[in-house]
């Protein structure tokens, strides 16, 4: 009995251009491949290990909010430092 009989040799991924389901060798994971049907190029990624698109969108939104918060804090710090430089000589 071969101990490697349960190790997958390929996985299936849909072409993002034409939608055709392709069998891709595991050795090509993370590499640029092309669809033999339409010629579309994409990165081979096993969908069972990929981050769902909804989570990627959420991660981008969180990153955007963090960036905007940091910018607002920096602007507030700049505003307070410029206010403290003004002296009222009445």
PDB file of N, CA and C in Angstrom:
ATOM      1  N   UNK A   1       0.844  -1.188   0.000  1.00  0.00           N
ATOM      2  CA  UNK A   1       0.000   0.000   0.000  1.00  0.00           C
ATOM      3  C   UNK A   1       0.888   1.250   0.000  1.00  0.00           C
ATOM      4  N   UNK A   2       0.552   2.196  -0.844  1.00  0.00           N
ATOM      5  CA  UNK A   2       1.316   3.429  -0.975  1.00  0.00           C
ATOM      6  C   UNK A   2       0.845   4.437   0.069  1.00  0.00           C
ATOM      7  N   UNK A   3       1.766   4.944   0.898  1.00  0.00           N
ATOM      8  CA  UNK A   3       1.374   5.885   1.957  1.00  0.00           C
ATOM      9  C   UNK A   3       1.046   7.270   1.409  1.00  0.00           C
ATOM     10  N   UNK A   4       1.338   7.531   0.162  1.00  0.00           N
ATOM     11  CA  UNK A   4       1.074   8.833  -0.433  1.00  0.00           C
ATOM     12  C   UNK A   4      -0.234   8.878  -1.220  1.00  0.00           C
ATOM     13  N   UNK A   5      -1.056   7.842  -1.128  1.00  0.00           N
ATOM     14  CA  UNK A   5      -2.273   7.805  -1.934  1.00  0.00           C
ATOM     15  C   UNK A   5      -3.290   8.864  -1.516  1.00  0.00           C
ATOM     16  N   UNK A   6      -3.204   9.419  -0.313  1.00  0.00           N
ATOM     17  CA  UNK A   6      -4.148  10.441   0.139  1.00  0.00           C
ATOM     18  C   UNK A   6      -3.673  11.863  -0.125  1.00  0.00           C
ATOM     19  N   UNK A   7      -2.456  12.030  -0.612  1.00  0.00           N
ATOM     20  CA  UNK A   7      -1.930  13.359  -0.876  1.00  0.00           C
ATOM     21  C   UNK A   7      -2.430  13.830  -2.243  1.00  0.00           C
ATOM     22  N   UNK A   8      -3.110  14.991  -2.266  1.00  0.00           N
ATOM     23  CA  UNK A   8      -3.634  15.473  -3.550  1.00  0.00           C
ATOM     24  C   UNK A   8      -2.506  15.925  -4.485  1.00  0.00           C
ATOM     25  N   UNK A   9      -2.707  15.665  -5.760  1.00  0.00           N
ATOM     26  CA  UNK A   9      -1.746  16.063  -6.784  1.00  0.00           C
ATOM     27  C   UNK A   9      -2.206  17.365  -7.439  1.00  0.00           C
ATOM     28  N   UNK A  10      -3.508  17.597  -7.434  1.00  0.00           N
ATOM     29  CA  UNK A  10      -4.048  18.802  -8.044  1.00  0.00           C
ATOM     30  C   UNK A  10      -5.279  19.268  -7.264  1.00  0.00           C
ATOM     31  N   UNK A  11      -5.706  20.464  -7.571  1.00  0.00           N
ATOM     32  CA  UNK A  11      -6.929  21.010  -6.988  1.00  0.00           C
ATOM     33  C   UNK A  11      -7.678  21.728  -8.102  1.00  0.00           C
ATOM     34  N   UNK A  12      -8.915  22.059  -7.850  1.00  0.00           N
ATOM     35  CA  UNK A  12      -9.733  22.723  -8.867  1.00  0.00           C
ATOM     36  C   UNK A  12      -9.913  24.188  -8.515  1.00  0.00           C
ATOM     37  N   UNK A  13      -9.760  25.031  -9.533  1.00  0.00           N
ATOM     38  CA  UNK A  13      -9.952  26.462  -9.366  1.00  0.00           C
ATOM     39  C   UNK A  13     -10.631  26.997 -10.609  1.00  0.00           C
ATOM     40  N   UNK A  14     -11.581  27.886 -10.404  1.00  0.00           N
ATOM     41  CA  UNK A  14     -12.259  28.515 -11.529  1.00  0.00           C
ATOM     42  C   UNK A  14     -11.425  29.632 -12.114  1.00  0.00           C
ATOM     43  N   UNK A  15     -11.413  29.737 -13.424  1.00  0.00           N
ATOM     44  CA  UNK A  15     -10.712  30.833 -14.092  1.00  0.00           C
ATOM     45  C   UNK A  15     -11.476  32.130 -13.809  1.00  0.00           C
ATOM     46  N   UNK A  16     -10.803  33.166 -13.310  1.00  0.00           N
ATOM     47  CA  UNK A  16     -11.501  34.424 -13.023  1.00  0.00           C
ATOM     48  C   UNK A  16     -11.953  35.167 -14.280  1.00  0.00           C
ATOM     49  N   UNK A  17     -11.447  34.772 -15.448  1.00  0.00           N
ATOM     50  CA  UNK A  17     -11.826  35.433 -16.698  1.00  0.00           C
ATOM     51  C   UNK A  17     -13.046  34.774 -17.330  1.00  0.00           C
ATOM     52  N   UNK A  18     -12.969  33.452 -17.551  1.00  0.00           N
ATOM     53  CA  UNK A  18     -14.062  32.769 -18.252  1.00  0.00           C
ATOM     54  C   UNK A  18     -14.911  31.880 -17.344  1.00  0.00           C
ATOM     55  N   UNK A  19     -14.429  31.611 -16.135  1.00  0.00           N
ATOM     56  CA  UNK A  19     -15.202  30.803 -15.195  1.00  0.00           C
ATOM     57  C   UNK A  19     -15.023  29.305 -15.327  1.00  0.00           C
ATOM     58  N   UNK A  20     -14.257  28.864 -16.275  1.00  0.00           N
ATOM     59  CA  UNK A  20     -14.054  27.432 -16.482  1.00  0.00           C
ATOM     60  C   UNK A  20     -13.302  26.825 -15.297  1.00  0.00           C
ATOM     61  N   UNK A  21     -13.735  25.656 -14.835  1.00  0.00           N
ATOM     62  CA  UNK A  21     -13.100  24.974 -13.722  1.00  0.00           C
ATOM     63  C   UNK A  21     -11.861  24.241 -14.227  1.00  0.00           C
ATOM     64  N   UNK A  22     -10.715  24.555 -13.631  1.00  0.00           N
ATOM     65  CA  UNK A  22      -9.445  24.000 -14.081  1.00  0.00           C
ATOM     66  C   UNK A  22      -8.828  23.125 -13.002  1.00  0.00           C
ATOM     67  N   UNK A  23      -8.187  22.048 -13.418  1.00  0.00           N
ATOM     68  CA  UNK A  23      -7.402  21.220 -12.508  1.00  0.00           C
ATOM     69  C   UNK A  23      -5.973  21.750 -12.531  1.00  0.00           C
ATOM     70  N   UNK A  24      -5.499  22.202 -11.370  1.00  0.00           N
ATOM     71  CA  UNK A  24      -4.176  22.826 -11.270  1.00  0.00           C
ATOM     72  C   UNK A  24      -3.305  21.990 -10.341  1.00  0.00           C
ATOM     73  N   UNK A  25      -2.087  21.719 -10.769  1.00  0.00           N
ATOM     74  CA  UNK A  25      -1.169  20.941  -9.930  1.00  0.00           C
ATOM     75  C   UNK A  25      -0.837  21.704  -8.660  1.00  0.00           C
ATOM     76  N   UNK A  26      -0.720  20.977  -7.568  1.00  0.00           N
ATOM     77  CA  UNK A  26      -0.400  21.564  -6.274  1.00  0.00           C
ATOM     78  C   UNK A  26       0.950  22.279  -6.317  1.00  0.00           C
ATOM     79  N   UNK A  27       1.851  21.816  -7.120  1.00  0.00           N
ATOM     80  CA  UNK A  27       3.173  22.438  -7.206  1.00  0.00           C
ATOM     81  C   UNK A  27       3.107  23.851  -7.775  1.00  0.00           C
ATOM     82  N   UNK A  28       1.981  24.244  -8.365  1.00  0.00           N
ATOM     83  CA  UNK A  28       1.827  25.578  -8.949  1.00  0.00           C
ATOM     84  C   UNK A  28       1.142  26.564  -8.004  1.00  0.00           C
ATOM     85  N   UNK A  29       0.829  26.154  -6.785  1.00  0.00           N
ATOM     86  CA  UNK A  29       0.182  27.049  -5.826  1.00  0.00           C
ATOM     87  C   UNK A  29       1.003  28.321  -5.646  1.00  0.00           C
ATOM     88  N   UNK A  30       0.341  29.462  -5.704  1.00  0.00           N
ATOM     89  CA  UNK A  30       1.003  30.739  -5.516  1.00  0.00           C
ATOM     90  C   UNK A  30       1.724  31.263  -6.741  1.00  0.00           C
ATOM     91  N   UNK A  31       1.718  30.509  -7.821  1.00  0.00           N
ATOM     92  CA  UNK A  31       2.411  30.942  -9.035  1.00  0.00           C
ATOM     93  C   UNK A  31       1.406  31.420 -10.074  1.00  0.00           C
ATOM     94  N   UNK A  32       1.897  32.213 -11.013  1.00  0.00           N
ATOM     95  CA  UNK A  32       1.039  32.700 -12.089  1.00  0.00           C
ATOM     96  C   UNK A  32       0.803  31.568 -13.084  1.00  0.00           C
ATOM     97  N   UNK A  33      -0.453  31.297 -13.379  1.00  0.00           N
ATOM     98  CA  UNK A  33      -0.838  30.268 -14.344  1.00  0.00           C
ATOM     99  C   UNK A  33      -1.773  30.904 -15.368  1.00  0.00           C
ATOM    100  N   UNK A  34      -2.099  30.163 -16.396  1.00  0.00           N
ATOM    101  CA  UNK A  34      -3.042  30.682 -17.381  1.00  0.00           C
ATOM    102  C   UNK A  34      -4.070  29.620 -17.724  1.00  0.00           C
ATOM    103  N   UNK A  35      -5.237  30.087 -18.121  1.00  0.00           N
ATOM    104  CA  UNK A  35      -6.340  29.210 -18.505  1.00  0.00           C
ATOM    105  C   UNK A  35      -6.077  28.702 -19.917  1.00  0.00           C
ATOM    106  N   UNK A  36      -6.127  27.409 -20.098  1.00  0.00           N
ATOM    107  CA  UNK A  36      -5.908  26.823 -21.420  1.00  0.00           C
ATOM    108  C   UNK A  36      -7.078  27.099 -22.357  1.00  0.00           C
ATOM    109  N   UNK A  37      -8.219  27.490 -21.768  1.00  0.00           N
ATOM    110  CA  UNK A  37      -9.393  27.742 -22.589  1.00  0.00           C
ATOM    111  C   UNK A  37      -9.396  29.164 -23.167  1.00  0.00           C
ATOM    112  N   UNK A  38      -9.207  30.184 -22.270  1.00  0.00           N
ATOM    113  CA  UNK A  38      -9.317  31.569 -22.738  1.00  0.00           C
ATOM    114  C   UNK A  38      -8.000  32.329 -22.705  1.00  0.00           C
ATOM    115  N   UNK A  39      -6.975  31.768 -22.061  1.00  0.00           N
ATOM    116  CA  UNK A  39      -5.688  32.440 -21.967  1.00  0.00           C
ATOM    117  C   UNK A  39      -5.582  33.418 -20.815  1.00  0.00           C
ATOM    118  N   UNK A  40      -6.631  33.519 -19.986  1.00  0.00           N
ATOM    119  CA  UNK A  40      -6.601  34.428 -18.836  1.00  0.00           C
ATOM    120  C   UNK A  40      -5.511  34.031 -17.856  1.00  0.00           C
ATOM    121  N   UNK A  41      -4.827  35.016 -17.309  1.00  0.00           N
ATOM    122  CA  UNK A  41      -3.735  34.749 -16.366  1.00  0.00           C
ATOM    123  C   UNK A  41      -4.186  35.099 -14.958  1.00  0.00           C
ATOM    124  N   UNK A  42      -3.771  34.270 -13.990  1.00  0.00           N
ATOM    125  CA  UNK A  42      -4.130  34.488 -12.592  1.00  0.00           C
ATOM    126  C   UNK A  42      -3.174  33.712 -11.708  1.00  0.00           C
ATOM    127  N   UNK A  43      -3.246  33.959 -10.406  1.00  0.00           N
ATOM    128  CA  UNK A  43      -2.414  33.269  -9.431  1.00  0.00           C
ATOM    129  C   UNK A  43      -3.160  32.031  -8.954  1.00  0.00           C
ATOM    130  N   UNK A  44      -2.484  30.883  -8.996  1.00  0.00           N
ATOM    131  CA  UNK A  44      -3.095  29.634  -8.541  1.00  0.00           C
ATOM    132  C   UNK A  44      -3.235  29.671  -7.030  1.00  0.00           C
ATOM    133  N   UNK A  45      -4.462  29.478  -6.550  1.00  0.00           N
ATOM    134  CA  UNK A  45      -4.732  29.495  -5.118  1.00  0.00           C
ATOM    135  C   UNK A  45      -5.836  28.488  -4.820  1.00  0.00           C
ATOM    136  N   UNK A  46      -5.579  27.594  -3.883  1.00  0.00           N
ATOM    137  CA  UNK A  46      -6.575  26.609  -3.490  1.00  0.00           C
ATOM    138  C   UNK A  46      -7.696  27.330  -2.748  1.00  0.00           C
ATOM    139  N   UNK A  47      -8.911  27.304  -3.265  1.00  0.00           N
ATOM    140  CA  UNK A  47     -10.004  28.044  -2.636  1.00  0.00           C
ATOM    141  C   UNK A  47     -10.293  27.589  -1.205  1.00  0.00           C
ATOM    142  N   UNK A  48      -9.973  26.354  -0.873  1.00  0.00           N
ATOM    143  CA  UNK A  48     -10.250  25.882   0.484  1.00  0.00           C
ATOM    144  C   UNK A  48      -9.325  26.512   1.514  1.00  0.00           C
ATOM    145  N   UNK A  49      -8.203  27.085   1.077  1.00  0.00           N
ATOM    146  CA  UNK A  49      -7.269  27.737   1.996  1.00  0.00           C
ATOM    147  C   UNK A  49      -7.268  29.241   1.854  1.00  0.00           C
ATOM    148  N   UNK A  50      -8.021  29.765   0.913  1.00  0.00           N
ATOM    149  CA  UNK A  50      -8.027  31.211   0.659  1.00  0.00           C
ATOM    150  C   UNK A  50      -8.930  31.926   1.656  1.00  0.00           C
ATOM    151  N   UNK A  51      -8.649  33.201   1.878  1.00  0.00           N
ATOM    152  CA  UNK A  51      -9.483  34.039   2.725  1.00  0.00           C
ATOM    153  C   UNK A  51     -10.717  34.418   1.914  1.00  0.00           C
ATOM    154  N   UNK A  52     -11.906  34.226   2.465  1.00  0.00           N
ATOM    155  CA  UNK A  52     -13.116  34.587   1.724  1.00  0.00           C
ATOM    156  C   UNK A  52     -13.116  36.063   1.352  1.00  0.00           C
ATOM    157  N   UNK A  53     -13.673  36.400   0.185  1.00  0.00           N
ATOM    158  CA  UNK A  53     -13.675  37.798  -0.259  1.00  0.00           C
ATOM    159  C   UNK A  53     -14.306  38.740   0.756  1.00  0.00           C
ATOM    160  N   UNK A  54     -15.354  38.296   1.456  1.00  0.00           N
ATOM    161  CA  UNK A  54     -16.006  39.167   2.428  1.00  0.00           C
ATOM    162  C   UNK A  54     -15.037  39.555   3.543  1.00  0.00           C
ATOM    163  N   UNK A  55     -14.152  38.642   3.947  1.00  0.00           N
ATOM    164  CA  UNK A  55     -13.173  38.957   4.984  1.00  0.00           C
ATOM    165  C   UNK A  55     -12.113  39.913   4.451  1.00  0.00           C
ATOM    166  N   UNK A  56     -11.734  39.769   3.185  1.00  0.00           N
ATOM    167  CA  UNK A  56     -10.754  40.684   2.599  1.00  0.00           C
ATOM    168  C   UNK A  56     -11.317  42.096   2.526  1.00  0.00           C
ATOM    169  N   UNK A  57     -12.597  42.230   2.160  1.00  0.00           N
ATOM    170  CA  UNK A  57     -13.232  43.538   2.093  1.00  0.00           C
ATOM    171  C   UNK A  57     -13.263  44.149   3.488  1.00  0.00           C
ATOM    172  N   UNK A  58     -13.607  43.344   4.476  1.00  0.00           N
ATOM    173  CA  UNK A  58     -13.657  43.833   5.848  1.00  0.00           C
ATOM    174  C   UNK A  58     -12.266  44.269   6.322  1.00  0.00           C
ATOM    175  N   UNK A  59     -11.230  43.498   5.988  1.00  0.00           N
ATOM    176  CA  UNK A  59      -9.866  43.864   6.367  1.00  0.00           C
ATOM    177  C   UNK A  59      -9.463  45.195   5.731  1.00  0.00           C
ATOM    178  N   UNK A  60      -9.844  45.412   4.477  1.00  0.00           N
ATOM    179  CA  UNK A  60      -9.524  46.680   3.813  1.00  0.00           C
ATOM    180  C   UNK A  60     -10.250  47.846   4.477  1.00  0.00           C
ATOM    181  N   UNK A  61     -11.514  47.628   4.866  1.00  0.00           N
ATOM    182  CA  UNK A  61     -12.271  48.692   5.524  1.00  0.00           C
ATOM    183  C   UNK A  61     -11.651  49.041   6.868  1.00  0.00           C
ATOM    184  N   UNK A  62     -11.253  48.027   7.621  1.00  0.00           N
ATOM    185  CA  UNK A  62     -10.613  48.273   8.910  1.00  0.00           C
ATOM    186  C   UNK A  62      -9.307  49.036   8.714  1.00  0.00           C
ATOM    187  N   UNK A  63      -8.507  48.620   7.750  1.00  0.00           N
ATOM    188  CA  UNK A  63      -7.247  49.309   7.477  1.00  0.00           C
ATOM    189  C   UNK A  63      -7.500  50.758   7.076  1.00  0.00           C
ATOM    190  N   UNK A  64      -8.532  50.997   6.281  1.00  0.00           N
ATOM    191  CA  UNK A  64      -8.873  52.355   5.867  1.00  0.00           C
ATOM    192  C   UNK A  64      -9.300  53.195   7.066  1.00  0.00           C
ATOM    193  N   UNK A  65     -10.120  52.620   7.942  1.00  0.00           N
ATOM    194  CA  UNK A  65     -10.556  53.352   9.131  1.00  0.00           C
ATOM    195  C   UNK A  65      -9.383  53.680  10.046  1.00  0.00           C
ATOM    196  N   UNK A  66      -8.472  52.739  10.214  1.00  0.00           N
ATOM    197  CA  UNK A  66      -7.290  52.978  11.047  1.00  0.00           C
ATOM    198  C   UNK A  66      -6.447  54.101  10.454  1.00  0.00           C
ATOM    199  N   UNK A  67      -6.265  54.080   9.152  1.00  0.00           N
ATOM    200  CA  UNK A  67      -5.478  55.117   8.490  1.00  0.00           C
ATOM    201  C   UNK A  67      -6.136  56.484   8.659  1.00  0.00           C
ATOM    202  N   UNK A  68      -7.455  56.545   8.502  1.00  0.00           N
ATOM    203  CA  UNK A  68      -8.162  57.813   8.657  1.00  0.00           C
ATOM    204  C   UNK A  68      -8.101  58.306  10.095  1.00  0.00           C
ATOM    205  N   UNK A  69      -8.180  57.380  11.064  1.00  0.00           N
ATOM    206  CA  UNK A  69      -8.089  57.767  12.473  1.00  0.00           C
ATOM    207  C   UNK A  69      -6.702  58.316  12.794  1.00  0.00           C
ATOM    208  N   UNK A  70      -5.668  57.670  12.269  1.00  0.00           N
ATOM    209  CA  UNK A  70      -4.310  58.153  12.495  1.00  0.00           C
ATOM    210  C   UNK A  70      -4.110  59.546  11.898  1.00  0.00           C
ATOM    211  N   UNK A  71      -4.678  59.775  10.722  1.00  0.00           N
ATOM    212  CA  UNK A  71      -4.586  61.080  10.079  1.00  0.00           C
ATOM    213  C   UNK A  71      -5.308  62.138  10.913  1.00  0.00           C
ATOM    214  N   UNK A  72      -6.492  61.806  11.416  1.00  0.00           N
ATOM    215  CA  UNK A  72      -7.253  62.748  12.239  1.00  0.00           C
ATOM    216  C   UNK A  72      -6.494  63.074  13.522  1.00  0.00           C
ATOM    217  N   UNK A  73      -5.880  62.063  14.138  1.00  0.00           N
ATOM    218  CA  UNK A  73      -5.094  62.299  15.348  1.00  0.00           C
ATOM    219  C   UNK A  73      -3.892  63.191  15.054  1.00  0.00           C
ATOM    220  N   UNK A  74      -3.231  62.954  13.940  1.00  0.00           N
ATOM    221  CA  UNK A  74      -2.075  63.770  13.567  1.00  0.00           C
ATOM    222  C   UNK A  74      -2.495  65.215  13.320  1.00  0.00           C
ATOM    223  N   UNK A  75      -3.622  65.398  12.637  1.00  0.00           N
ATOM    224  CA  UNK A  75      -4.107  66.750  12.372  1.00  0.00           C
ATOM    225  C   UNK A  75      -4.490  67.449  13.673  1.00  0.00           C
ATOM    226  N   UNK A  76      -5.099  66.717  14.592  1.00  0.00           N
ATOM    227  CA  UNK A  76      -5.465  67.299  15.882  1.00  0.00           C
ATOM    228  C   UNK A  76      -4.217  67.686  16.662  1.00  0.00           C
ATOM    229  N   UNK A  77      -3.196  66.854  16.619  1.00  0.00           N
ATOM    230  CA  UNK A  77      -1.943  67.173  17.312  1.00  0.00           C
ATOM    231  C   UNK A  77      -1.288  68.399  16.684  1.00  0.00           C
ATOM    232  N   UNK A  78      -1.327  68.499  15.371  1.00  0.00           N
ATOM    233  CA  UNK A  78      -0.755  69.662  14.693  1.00  0.00           C
ATOM    234  C   UNK A  78      -1.520  70.930  15.045  1.00  0.00           C
ATOM    235  N   UNK A  79      -2.866  70.834  15.129  1.00  0.00           N
ATOM    236  CA  UNK A  79      -3.694  71.993  15.471  1.00  0.00           C
ATOM    237  C   UNK A  79      -3.408  72.477  16.883  1.00  0.00           C
ATOM    238  N   UNK A  80      -3.260  71.570  17.832  1.00  0.00           N
ATOM    239  CA  UNK A  80      -3.008  71.984  19.220  1.00  0.00           C
ATOM    240  C   UNK A  80      -1.608  72.552  19.371  1.00  0.00           C
ATOM    241  N   UNK A  81      -0.649  72.047  18.625  1.00  0.00           N
ATOM    242  CA  UNK A  81       0.707  72.583  18.739  1.00  0.00           C
ATOM    243  C   UNK A  81       0.790  73.978  18.136  1.00  0.00           C
ATOM    244  N   UNK A  82       0.026  74.247  17.088  1.00  0.00           N
ATOM    245  CA  UNK A  82       0.045  75.580  16.495  1.00  0.00           C
ATOM    246  C   UNK A  82      -0.723  76.569  17.361  1.00  0.00           C
ATOM    247  N   UNK A  83      -1.738  76.131  18.085  1.00  0.00           N
ATOM    248  CA  UNK A  83      -2.482  77.002  18.982  1.00  0.00           C
ATOM    249  C   UNK A  83      -1.637  77.412  20.172  1.00  0.00           C
ATOM    250  N   UNK A  84      -0.808  76.505  20.674  1.00  0.00           N
ATOM    251  CA  UNK A  84      -0.002  76.821  21.849  1.00  0.00           C
ATOM    252  C   UNK A  84       1.107  77.812  21.521  1.00  0.00           C
ATOM    253  N   UNK A  85       1.425  77.997  20.259  1.00  0.00           N
ATOM    254  CA  UNK A  85       2.476  78.938  19.891  1.00  0.00           C
ATOM    255  C   UNK A  85       1.963  80.376  19.851  1.00  0.00           C
ATOM    256  N   UNK A  86       0.645  80.528  19.843  1.00  0.00           N
ATOM    257  CA  UNK A  86       0.060  81.875  19.858  1.00  0.00           C
ATOM    258  C   UNK A  86       0.022  82.380  21.296  1.00  0.00           C
ATOM    259  N   UNK A  87       0.490  83.607  21.492  1.00  0.00           N
ATOM    260  CA  UNK A  87       0.471  84.200  22.816  1.00  0.00           C
ATOM    261  C   UNK A  87      -0.372  85.461  22.761  1.00  0.00           C
ATOM    262  N   UNK A  88      -1.279  85.584  23.695  1.00  0.00           N
ATOM    263  CA  UNK A  88      -2.153  86.765  23.739  1.00  0.00           C
ATOM    264  C   UNK A  88      -1.516  87.791  24.683  1.00  0.00           C
ATOM    265  N   UNK A  89      -1.120  88.952  24.140  1.00  0.00           N
ATOM    266  CA  UNK A  89      -0.449  89.984  24.921  1.00  0.00           C
ATOM    267  C   UNK A  89      -1.389  91.134  25.267  1.00  0.00           C
ATOM    268  N   UNK A  90      -2.566  90.873  25.717  1.00  0.00           N
ATOM    269  CA  UNK A  90      -3.491  91.955  26.064  1.00  0.00           C
ATOM    270  C   UNK A  90      -3.205  92.541  27.388  1.00  0.00           C
TER     271      UNK A  90
END
